[in-house]
């Protein structure tokens, strides 16, 4: 069925305002024109879309069914036209990021970036904090550390202190840090993390044995499955905390570094690089400090 675009536009505006005068003002036409468009639409559909009231309009059941479909369609058309109207050429941007940051922080906000920078075609790679920007052809790398990497520009993103996290059943056995001596303490390749965390609590560190992980994501999953207790950046595991898969049994945290956006100083920034840096630094600066 062919339905006139102007009639659908008049219907959508009138249904939103439930007032012909305000719809006419929005569309920059006369009230008579809006009314005529709606009558034509109702005649084509063979259904009334509005009930005329003394002081406005009310949608019929048919009008209520049609409104969300028409409103969504106009919204999608508007978004598409906005992208077409962006005069900037599309650019490929290649970003390498620590897997923990990618999964715990970036992916939940990826749609926000796509909406803010629709001209950027993002290529996202993950790594375990060992990265060579030039050799791997990366525009940016998100890394964890102190921000001091030779030949790179580093923009601070997020502080991510570490704290013990474990499954709820494990947490139920923990009252004070010394109770951790009876549990399996899962370790990363940074061997002194547990030693420093226990020192911060004033508790002797037990002998550390067992599996060593090179990924906080693997550490977290092992802890969630009850394999032991892991030192993790709590801020990047808010989803697991909200789901109840992980628990933070102690408030003591260990600051060991931050996440940084790095790029080669010798690399001339493109429009895509400038847009991504501005969006990411701003988004991190305005993100909540606590997981929830």
C-alpha atoms as a PDB file:
ATOM      1  CA  UNK A   1       0.000   0.000   0.000  1.00  0.00           C
ATOM      2  CA  UNK A   2       1.394   3.388  -1.004  1.00  0.00           C
ATOM      3  CA  UNK A   3       1.077   5.925   1.812  1.00  0.00           C
ATOM      4  CA  UNK A   4       2.078   9.574   1.260  1.00  0.00           C
ATOM      5  CA  UNK A   5       5.156  10.564   3.261  1.00  0.00           C
ATOM      6  CA  UNK A   6       3.695  13.957   4.204  1.00  0.00           C
ATOM      7  CA  UNK A   7       0.580  12.285   5.569  1.00  0.00           C
ATOM      8  CA  UNK A   8       2.662   9.931   7.716  1.00  0.00           C
ATOM      9  CA  UNK A   9       4.735  12.873   8.950  1.00  0.00           C
ATOM     10  CA  UNK A  10       1.590  14.792   9.863  1.00  0.00           C
ATOM     11  CA  UNK A  11       0.210  11.745  11.678  1.00  0.00           C
ATOM     12  CA  UNK A  12       3.444  11.231  13.664  1.00  0.00           C
ATOM     13  CA  UNK A  13       3.625  14.875  14.759  1.00  0.00           C
ATOM     14  CA  UNK A  14      -0.069  15.025  15.679  1.00  0.00           C
ATOM     15  CA  UNK A  15       0.166  11.738  17.585  1.00  0.00           C
ATOM     16  CA  UNK A  16       3.181  13.002  19.531  1.00  0.00           C
ATOM     17  CA  UNK A  17       1.563  16.312  20.477  1.00  0.00           C
ATOM     18  CA  UNK A  18      -2.066  15.131  20.474  1.00  0.00           C
ATOM     19  CA  UNK A  19      -2.748  18.617  19.199  1.00  0.00           C
ATOM     20  CA  UNK A  20      -3.171  19.775  15.581  1.00  0.00           C
ATOM     21  CA  UNK A  21      -1.997  23.320  16.234  1.00  0.00           C
ATOM     22  CA  UNK A  22       1.328  22.249  17.786  1.00  0.00           C
ATOM     23  CA  UNK A  23       1.841  19.655  15.042  1.00  0.00           C
ATOM     24  CA  UNK A  24       1.277  22.342  12.398  1.00  0.00           C
ATOM     25  CA  UNK A  25       3.763  24.678  14.105  1.00  0.00           C
ATOM     26  CA  UNK A  26       6.409  21.957  14.168  1.00  0.00           C
ATOM     27  CA  UNK A  27       5.908  21.097  10.496  1.00  0.00           C
ATOM     28  CA  UNK A  28       5.620  24.754   9.423  1.00  0.00           C
ATOM     29  CA  UNK A  29       2.261  24.231   7.719  1.00  0.00           C
ATOM     30  CA  UNK A  30      -1.281  25.224   8.514  1.00  0.00           C
ATOM     31  CA  UNK A  31      -3.539  23.341  10.907  1.00  0.00           C
ATOM     32  CA  UNK A  32      -5.885  22.744   7.983  1.00  0.00           C
ATOM     33  CA  UNK A  33      -3.077  21.050   6.026  1.00  0.00           C
ATOM     34  CA  UNK A  34      -2.271  18.716   8.931  1.00  0.00           C
ATOM     35  CA  UNK A  35      -5.932  17.844   9.357  1.00  0.00           C
ATOM     36  CA  UNK A  36      -6.293  17.145   5.628  1.00  0.00           C
ATOM     37  CA  UNK A  37      -3.207  14.879   5.605  1.00  0.00           C
ATOM     38  CA  UNK A  38      -4.600  12.868   8.498  1.00  0.00           C
ATOM     39  CA  UNK A  39      -8.029  12.537   6.867  1.00  0.00           C
ATOM     40  CA  UNK A  40      -6.403  11.312   3.650  1.00  0.00           C
ATOM     41  CA  UNK A  41      -4.369   8.779   5.584  1.00  0.00           C
ATOM     42  CA  UNK A  42      -7.426   7.518   7.451  1.00  0.00           C
ATOM     43  CA  UNK A  43      -9.326   7.163   4.182  1.00  0.00           C
ATOM     44  CA  UNK A  44      -6.508   5.138   2.602  1.00  0.00           C
ATOM     45  CA  UNK A  45      -6.280   2.868   5.635  1.00  0.00           C
ATOM     46  CA  UNK A  46     -10.014   2.626   6.101  1.00  0.00           C
ATOM     47  CA  UNK A  47      -9.517   3.143   9.831  1.00  0.00           C
ATOM     48  CA  UNK A  48      -9.808   6.137  12.171  1.00  0.00           C
ATOM     49  CA  UNK A  49      -6.480   7.001  13.768  1.00  0.00           C
ATOM     50  CA  UNK A  50      -7.680   9.717  16.133  1.00  0.00           C
ATOM     51  CA  UNK A  51     -10.687  10.543  18.219  1.00  0.00           C
ATOM     52  CA  UNK A  52     -11.405  14.268  18.078  1.00  0.00           C
ATOM     53  CA  UNK A  53     -11.906  15.698  21.555  1.00  0.00           C
ATOM     54  CA  UNK A  54     -13.059  19.180  22.595  1.00  0.00           C
ATOM     55  CA  UNK A  55      -9.502  20.092  23.610  1.00  0.00           C
ATOM     56  CA  UNK A  56      -7.214  17.977  21.480  1.00  0.00           C
ATOM     57  CA  UNK A  57      -6.881  14.475  20.115  1.00  0.00           C
ATOM     58  CA  UNK A  58      -6.745  10.910  21.395  1.00  0.00           C
ATOM     59  CA  UNK A  59      -5.291   7.974  19.505  1.00  0.00           C
ATOM     60  CA  UNK A  60      -7.540   5.097  18.573  1.00  0.00           C
ATOM     61  CA  UNK A  61      -6.270   1.532  18.991  1.00  0.00           C
ATOM     62  CA  UNK A  62      -5.245   1.611  15.320  1.00  0.00           C
ATOM     63  CA  UNK A  63      -3.379   4.880  15.826  1.00  0.00           C
ATOM     64  CA  UNK A  64      -1.563   3.516  18.870  1.00  0.00           C
ATOM     65  CA  UNK A  65      -0.441   0.490  16.847  1.00  0.00           C
ATOM     66  CA  UNK A  66       0.781   2.613  13.953  1.00  0.00           C
ATOM     67  CA  UNK A  67       2.634   5.305  15.928  1.00  0.00           C
ATOM     68  CA  UNK A  68       5.717   3.371  17.144  1.00  0.00           C
ATOM     69  CA  UNK A  69       6.294   1.907  13.672  1.00  0.00           C
ATOM     70  CA  UNK A  70       6.123   5.301  11.981  1.00  0.00           C
ATOM     71  CA  UNK A  71       8.204   7.024  14.691  1.00  0.00           C
ATOM     72  CA  UNK A  72      10.959   4.407  14.485  1.00  0.00           C
ATOM     73  CA  UNK A  73      11.008   4.603  10.704  1.00  0.00           C
ATOM     74  CA  UNK A  74      11.450   8.379  10.715  1.00  0.00           C
ATOM     75  CA  UNK A  75      14.163   8.045  13.362  1.00  0.00           C
ATOM     76  CA  UNK A  76      16.102   5.528  11.269  1.00  0.00           C
ATOM     77  CA  UNK A  77      15.775   7.648   8.152  1.00  0.00           C
ATOM     78  CA  UNK A  78      17.040  10.663  10.093  1.00  0.00           C
ATOM     79  CA  UNK A  79      20.049   8.742  11.403  1.00  0.00           C
ATOM     80  CA  UNK A  80      20.908   7.492   7.915  1.00  0.00           C
ATOM     81  CA  UNK A  81      20.646  10.988   6.452  1.00  0.00           C
ATOM     82  CA  UNK A  82      22.857  12.351   9.230  1.00  0.00           C
ATOM     83  CA  UNK A  83      25.570   9.861   8.300  1.00  0.00           C
ATOM     84  CA  UNK A  84      25.247  10.672   4.615  1.00  0.00           C
ATOM     85  CA  UNK A  85      25.476  14.348   5.449  1.00  0.00           C
ATOM     86  CA  UNK A  86      28.804  13.856   7.248  1.00  0.00           C
ATOM     87  CA  UNK A  87      31.297  15.221   4.745  1.00  0.00           C
ATOM     88  CA  UNK A  88      34.249  13.478   6.380  1.00  0.00           C
ATOM     89  CA  UNK A  89      35.448  10.387   4.497  1.00  0.00           C
ATOM     90  CA  UNK A  90      35.264   7.103   6.371  1.00  0.00           C
ATOM     91  CA  UNK A  91      38.547   6.172   8.037  1.00  0.00           C
ATOM     92  CA  UNK A  92      39.885   2.874   9.358  1.00  0.00           C
ATOM     93  CA  UNK A  93      41.254   3.083  12.908  1.00  0.00           C
ATOM     94  CA  UNK A  94      43.212   0.138  14.316  1.00  0.00           C
ATOM     95  CA  UNK A  95      43.307  -0.101  18.100  1.00  0.00           C
ATOM     96  CA  UNK A  96      44.973  -2.738  20.245  1.00  0.00           C
ATOM     97  CA  UNK A  97      43.694  -2.963  23.807  1.00  0.00           C
ATOM     98  CA  UNK A  98      44.326  -5.057  26.884  1.00  0.00           C
ATOM     99  CA  UNK A  99      41.648  -7.743  26.848  1.00  0.00           C
ATOM    100  CA  UNK A 100      40.434  -6.876  30.354  1.00  0.00           C
ATOM    101  CA  UNK A 101      39.845  -3.250  29.383  1.00  0.00           C
ATOM    102  CA  UNK A 102      38.242  -4.278  26.096  1.00  0.00           C
ATOM    103  CA  UNK A 103      35.697  -6.639  27.653  1.00  0.00           C
ATOM    104  CA  UNK A 104      35.163  -4.855  30.969  1.00  0.00           C
ATOM    105  CA  UNK A 105      34.981  -1.246  29.812  1.00  0.00           C
ATOM    106  CA  UNK A 106      35.127  -0.650  26.056  1.00  0.00           C
ATOM    107  CA  UNK A 107      32.640  -3.175  24.658  1.00  0.00           C
ATOM    108  CA  UNK A 108      29.713  -1.982  26.826  1.00  0.00           C
ATOM    109  CA  UNK A 109      30.311   1.537  25.422  1.00  0.00           C
ATOM    110  CA  UNK A 110      31.170   0.628  21.843  1.00  0.00           C
ATOM    111  CA  UNK A 111      27.777   1.687  20.519  1.00  0.00           C
ATOM    112  CA  UNK A 112      28.242   5.109  22.115  1.00  0.00           C
ATOM    113  CA  UNK A 113      31.477   5.536  20.175  1.00  0.00           C
ATOM    114  CA  UNK A 114      29.892   4.370  16.925  1.00  0.00           C
ATOM    115  CA  UNK A 115      27.101   6.913  17.355  1.00  0.00           C
ATOM    116  CA  UNK A 116      29.537   9.703  18.281  1.00  0.00           C
ATOM    117  CA  UNK A 117      32.007   8.954  15.465  1.00  0.00           C
ATOM    118  CA  UNK A 118      30.089   7.236  12.645  1.00  0.00           C
ATOM    119  CA  UNK A 119      32.838   8.007  10.097  1.00  0.00           C
ATOM    120  CA  UNK A 120      35.346   5.751  11.919  1.00  0.00           C
ATOM    121  CA  UNK A 121      35.648   2.073  10.949  1.00  0.00           C
ATOM    122  CA  UNK A 122      37.151   0.605  14.114  1.00  0.00           C
ATOM    123  CA  UNK A 123      39.451  -2.422  13.944  1.00  0.00           C
ATOM    124  CA  UNK A 124      39.848  -3.757  17.476  1.00  0.00           C
ATOM    125  CA  UNK A 125      42.579  -6.176  18.527  1.00  0.00           C
ATOM    126  CA  UNK A 126      43.285  -7.539  22.011  1.00  0.00           C
ATOM    127  CA  UNK A 127      46.638  -8.176  23.668  1.00  0.00           C
ATOM    128  CA  UNK A 128      48.043  -9.001  27.112  1.00  0.00           C
ATOM    129  CA  UNK A 129      49.909  -5.711  27.621  1.00  0.00           C
ATOM    130  CA  UNK A 130      52.786  -6.716  25.370  1.00  0.00           C
ATOM    131  CA  UNK A 131      52.470  -4.665  22.205  1.00  0.00           C
ATOM    132  CA  UNK A 132      54.587  -3.092  19.463  1.00  0.00           C
ATOM    133  CA  UNK A 133      52.655  -0.211  17.925  1.00  0.00           C
ATOM    134  CA  UNK A 134      54.808   0.121  14.824  1.00  0.00           C
ATOM    135  CA  UNK A 135      55.317  -3.582  14.097  1.00  0.00           C
ATOM    136  CA  UNK A 136      51.630  -4.393  14.533  1.00  0.00           C
ATOM    137  CA  UNK A 137      50.400  -1.411  12.526  1.00  0.00           C
ATOM    138  CA  UNK A 138      48.364   0.027  15.402  1.00  0.00           C
ATOM    139  CA  UNK A 139      47.122   3.596  15.578  1.00  0.00           C
ATOM    140  CA  UNK A 140      46.595   3.253  19.332  1.00  0.00           C
ATOM    141  CA  UNK A 141      47.211   0.740  22.091  1.00  0.00           C
ATOM    142  CA  UNK A 142      45.434   0.709  25.451  1.00  0.00           C
ATOM    143  CA  UNK A 143      47.949  -0.527  28.018  1.00  0.00           C
ATOM    144  CA  UNK A 144      48.208  -0.994  31.769  1.00  0.00           C
ATOM    145  CA  UNK A 145      51.138   0.476  33.641  1.00  0.00           C
ATOM    146  CA  UNK A 146      52.704   3.754  34.700  1.00  0.00           C
ATOM    147  CA  UNK A 147      52.393   5.558  31.357  1.00  0.00           C
ATOM    148  CA  UNK A 148      56.160   5.589  30.722  1.00  0.00           C
ATOM    149  CA  UNK A 149      56.776   3.828  27.406  1.00  0.00           C
ATOM    150  CA  UNK A 150      59.653   5.059  25.267  1.00  0.00           C
ATOM    151  CA  UNK A 151      58.683   6.976  22.149  1.00  0.00           C
ATOM    152  CA  UNK A 152      54.965   7.017  22.914  1.00  0.00           C
ATOM    153  CA  UNK A 153      52.398   9.589  23.886  1.00  0.00           C
ATOM    154  CA  UNK A 154      50.304   8.342  26.809  1.00  0.00           C
ATOM    155  CA  UNK A 155      46.902   9.720  27.839  1.00  0.00           C
ATOM    156  CA  UNK A 156      45.616   8.585  31.237  1.00  0.00           C
ATOM    157  CA  UNK A 157      42.310   6.713  31.050  1.00  0.00           C
ATOM    158  CA  UNK A 158      41.362   4.800  34.195  1.00  0.00           C
ATOM    159  CA  UNK A 159      42.802   4.012  37.582  1.00  0.00           C
ATOM    160  CA  UNK A 160      42.175   0.320  38.249  1.00  0.00           C
ATOM    161  CA  UNK A 161      43.354  -0.754  41.710  1.00  0.00           C
ATOM    162  CA  UNK A 162      43.377  -4.462  42.504  1.00  0.00           C
ATOM    163  CA  UNK A 163      41.390  -6.225  45.210  1.00  0.00           C
ATOM    164  CA  UNK A 164      40.633  -9.889  45.975  1.00  0.00           C
ATOM    165  CA  UNK A 165      37.601 -11.285  44.140  1.00  0.00           C
ATOM    166  CA  UNK A 166      36.107 -14.740  44.321  1.00  0.00           C
ATOM    167  CA  UNK A 167      32.950 -16.796  44.017  1.00  0.00           C
ATOM    168  CA  UNK A 168      30.210 -16.184  46.628  1.00  0.00           C
ATOM    169  CA  UNK A 169      30.741 -19.638  48.193  1.00  0.00           C
ATOM    170  CA  UNK A 170      34.424 -18.837  48.696  1.00  0.00           C
ATOM    171  CA  UNK A 171      33.688 -15.382  50.080  1.00  0.00           C
ATOM    172  CA  UNK A 172      31.408 -16.936  52.722  1.00  0.00           C
ATOM    173  CA  UNK A 173      34.517 -18.500  54.319  1.00  0.00           C
ATOM    174  CA  UNK A 174      36.426 -15.207  54.517  1.00  0.00           C
ATOM    175  CA  UNK A 175      36.191 -12.865  57.488  1.00  0.00           C
ATOM    176  CA  UNK A 176      39.671 -11.335  57.737  1.00  0.00           C
ATOM    177  CA  UNK A 177      42.602 -11.274  55.287  1.00  0.00           C
ATOM    178  CA  UNK A 178      44.387 -14.027  57.228  1.00  0.00           C
ATOM    179  CA  UNK A 179      41.586 -16.412  56.169  1.00  0.00           C
ATOM    180  CA  UNK A 180      42.989 -16.258  52.642  1.00  0.00           C
ATOM    181  CA  UNK A 181      45.872 -18.503  53.786  1.00  0.00           C
ATOM    182  CA  UNK A 182      43.429 -21.419  53.623  1.00  0.00           C
ATOM    183  CA  UNK A 183      42.391 -20.632  50.048  1.00  0.00           C
ATOM    184  CA  UNK A 184      44.063 -21.062  46.670  1.00  0.00           C
ATOM    185  CA  UNK A 185      45.433 -17.681  45.657  1.00  0.00           C
ATOM    186  CA  UNK A 186      45.336 -17.347  41.878  1.00  0.00           C
ATOM    187  CA  UNK A 187      48.281 -15.444  40.471  1.00  0.00           C
ATOM    188  CA  UNK A 188      49.168 -13.261  37.504  1.00  0.00           C
ATOM    189  CA  UNK A 189      52.606 -13.009  35.907  1.00  0.00           C
ATOM    190  CA  UNK A 190      53.235  -9.953  38.140  1.00  0.00           C
ATOM    191  CA  UNK A 191      54.577 -12.044  40.996  1.00  0.00           C
ATOM    192  CA  UNK A 192      54.603  -9.452  43.792  1.00  0.00           C
ATOM    193  CA  UNK A 193      50.929  -8.409  43.690  1.00  0.00           C
ATOM    194  CA  UNK A 194      49.711 -10.701  46.451  1.00  0.00           C
ATOM    195  CA  UNK A 195      52.781  -9.926  48.607  1.00  0.00           C
ATOM    196  CA  UNK A 196      52.132  -6.200  48.324  1.00  0.00           C
ATOM    197  CA  UNK A 197      48.385  -6.567  48.961  1.00  0.00           C
ATOM    198  CA  UNK A 198      48.953  -8.545  52.165  1.00  0.00           C
ATOM    199  CA  UNK A 199      51.571  -5.994  53.260  1.00  0.00           C
ATOM    200  CA  UNK A 200      48.979  -3.233  52.823  1.00  0.00           C
ATOM    201  CA  UNK A 201      46.642  -5.100  55.191  1.00  0.00           C
ATOM    202  CA  UNK A 202      49.378  -5.763  57.753  1.00  0.00           C
ATOM    203  CA  UNK A 203      49.007  -9.503  57.281  1.00  0.00           C
ATOM    204  CA  UNK A 204      51.724 -12.037  56.499  1.00  0.00           C
ATOM    205  CA  UNK A 205      51.540 -13.363  52.953  1.00  0.00           C
ATOM    206  CA  UNK A 206      51.176 -17.150  52.758  1.00  0.00           C
ATOM    207  CA  UNK A 207      53.319 -19.292  50.485  1.00  0.00           C
ATOM    208  CA  UNK A 208      52.062 -18.887  46.915  1.00  0.00           C
ATOM    209  CA  UNK A 209      51.743 -21.943  44.707  1.00  0.00           C
ATOM    210  CA  UNK A 210      49.699 -23.022  41.727  1.00  0.00           C
ATOM    211  CA  UNK A 211      48.724 -21.818  38.296  1.00  0.00           C
ATOM    212  CA  UNK A 212      49.963 -18.491  36.947  1.00  0.00           C
ATOM    213  CA  UNK A 213      47.695 -16.653  34.464  1.00  0.00           C
ATOM    214  CA  UNK A 214      48.669 -14.081  31.848  1.00  0.00           C
ATOM    215  CA  UNK A 215      45.119 -12.683  31.557  1.00  0.00           C
ATOM    216  CA  UNK A 216      42.869 -11.063  34.141  1.00  0.00           C
ATOM    217  CA  UNK A 217      39.883 -12.409  32.195  1.00  0.00           C
ATOM    218  CA  UNK A 218      41.104 -15.971  32.741  1.00  0.00           C
ATOM    219  CA  UNK A 219      41.863 -15.179  36.382  1.00  0.00           C
ATOM    220  CA  UNK A 220      38.357 -13.821  36.889  1.00  0.00           C
ATOM    221  CA  UNK A 221      36.706 -16.819  35.245  1.00  0.00           C
ATOM    222  CA  UNK A 222      38.757 -19.234  37.358  1.00  0.00           C
ATOM    223  CA  UNK A 223      37.752 -17.338  40.502  1.00  0.00           C
ATOM    224  CA  UNK A 224      34.072 -17.278  39.469  1.00  0.00           C
ATOM    225  CA  UNK A 225      34.164 -21.042  38.980  1.00  0.00           C
ATOM    226  CA  UNK A 226      35.464 -21.526  42.518  1.00  0.00           C
ATOM    227  CA  UNK A 227      39.083 -22.299  41.684  1.00  0.00           C
ATOM    228  CA  UNK A 228      40.412 -19.741  44.153  1.00  0.00           C
ATOM    229  CA  UNK A 229      40.753 -16.034  44.920  1.00  0.00           C
ATOM    230  CA  UNK A 230      42.156 -13.602  42.359  1.00  0.00           C
ATOM    231  CA  UNK A 231      43.512 -10.077  42.610  1.00  0.00           C
ATOM    232  CA  UNK A 232      41.570  -8.177  39.980  1.00  0.00           C
ATOM    233  CA  UNK A 233      40.818  -4.594  38.897  1.00  0.00           C
ATOM    234  CA  UNK A 234      37.352  -4.460  40.448  1.00  0.00           C
ATOM    235  CA  UNK A 235      36.234  -1.547  38.316  1.00  0.00           C
ATOM    236  CA  UNK A 236      36.435  -3.682  35.177  1.00  0.00           C
ATOM    237  CA  UNK A 237      34.366  -6.546  36.557  1.00  0.00           C
ATOM    238  CA  UNK A 238      31.210  -4.645  37.518  1.00  0.00           C
ATOM    239  CA  UNK A 239      29.062  -6.946  35.382  1.00  0.00           C
ATOM    240  CA  UNK A 240      30.265 -10.032  37.274  1.00  0.00           C
ATOM    241  CA  UNK A 241      29.669  -8.253  40.580  1.00  0.00           C
ATOM    242  CA  UNK A 242      26.139  -7.252  39.564  1.00  0.00           C
ATOM    243  CA  UNK A 243      25.413 -10.781  38.363  1.00  0.00           C
ATOM    244  CA  UNK A 244      26.672 -12.237  41.649  1.00  0.00           C
ATOM    245  CA  UNK A 245      29.299 -14.398  39.935  1.00  0.00           C
ATOM    246  CA  UNK A 246      32.106 -12.581  41.758  1.00  0.00           C
ATOM    247  CA  UNK A 247      32.301 -10.980  45.199  1.00  0.00           C
ATOM    248  CA  UNK A 248      34.806  -8.496  46.618  1.00  0.00           C
ATOM    249  CA  UNK A 249      35.249  -9.824  50.188  1.00  0.00           C
ATOM    250  CA  UNK A 250      37.665  -7.108  51.385  1.00  0.00           C
ATOM    251  CA  UNK A 251      37.725  -3.376  50.724  1.00  0.00           C
ATOM    252  CA  UNK A 252      41.533  -3.089  50.735  1.00  0.00           C
ATOM    253  CA  UNK A 253      42.832  -2.208  47.270  1.00  0.00           C
ATOM    254  CA  UNK A 254      46.294  -2.184  45.746  1.00  0.00           C
ATOM    255  CA  UNK A 255      47.221   0.566  43.285  1.00  0.00           C
ATOM    256  CA  UNK A 256      49.625  -0.834  40.712  1.00  0.00           C
ATOM    257  CA  UNK A 257      49.042   1.383  37.721  1.00  0.00           C
ATOM    258  CA  UNK A 258      46.408   2.681  35.357  1.00  0.00           C
ATOM    259  CA  UNK A 259      45.108   2.164  31.845  1.00  0.00           C
ATOM    260  CA  UNK A 260      46.597   4.486  29.236  1.00  0.00           C
ATOM    261  CA  UNK A 261      45.864   5.285  25.615  1.00  0.00           C
ATOM    262  CA  UNK A 262      49.207   5.192  23.833  1.00  0.00           C
ATOM    263  CA  UNK A 263      50.351   6.151  20.345  1.00  0.00           C
ATOM    264  CA  UNK A 264      53.683   6.726  18.670  1.00  0.00           C
ATOM    265  CA  UNK A 265      54.963  10.279  19.076  1.00  0.00           C
ATOM    266  CA  UNK A 266      56.165  10.070  15.498  1.00  0.00           C
ATOM    267  CA  UNK A 267      52.658   9.204  14.235  1.00  0.00           C
ATOM    268  CA  UNK A 268      50.796  12.158  12.774  1.00  0.00           C
ATOM    269  CA  UNK A 269      47.225  11.933  14.128  1.00  0.00           C
ATOM    270  CA  UNK A 270      44.421  11.474  11.627  1.00  0.00           C
ATOM    271  CA  UNK A 271      40.873  12.763  12.027  1.00  0.00           C
ATOM    272  CA  UNK A 272      39.826   9.302  13.220  1.00  0.00           C
ATOM    273  CA  UNK A 273      42.620   9.227  15.791  1.00  0.00           C
ATOM    274  CA  UNK A 274      41.677  12.667  17.099  1.00  0.00           C
ATOM    275  CA  UNK A 275      38.008  11.684  17.358  1.00  0.00           C
ATOM    276  CA  UNK A 276      38.735   8.407  19.145  1.00  0.00           C
ATOM    277  CA  UNK A 277      41.190   9.971  21.595  1.00  0.00           C
ATOM    278  CA  UNK A 278      38.765  12.769  22.486  1.00  0.00           C
ATOM    279  CA  UNK A 279      35.852  10.373  22.917  1.00  0.00           C
ATOM    280  CA  UNK A 280      37.768   7.790  24.965  1.00  0.00           C
ATOM    281  CA  UNK A 281      39.523  10.229  27.305  1.00  0.00           C
ATOM    282  CA  UNK A 282      36.255  12.087  27.949  1.00  0.00           C
ATOM    283  CA  UNK A 283      34.243   8.892  28.462  1.00  0.00           C
ATOM    284  CA  UNK A 284      36.785   7.558  30.959  1.00  0.00           C
ATOM    285  CA  UNK A 285      36.933  10.867  32.834  1.00  0.00           C
ATOM    286  CA  UNK A 286      33.152  10.907  33.299  1.00  0.00           C
ATOM    287  CA  UNK A 287      32.746   7.195  34.159  1.00  0.00           C
ATOM    288  CA  UNK A 288      31.766   6.292  37.764  1.00  0.00           C
ATOM    289  CA  UNK A 289      34.735   5.581  40.017  1.00  0.00           C
ATOM    290  CA  UNK A 290      33.036   2.615  41.644  1.00  0.00           C
ATOM    291  CA  UNK A 291      31.672  -0.402  39.737  1.00  0.00           C
ATOM    292  CA  UNK A 292      28.086   0.404  40.763  1.00  0.00           C
END
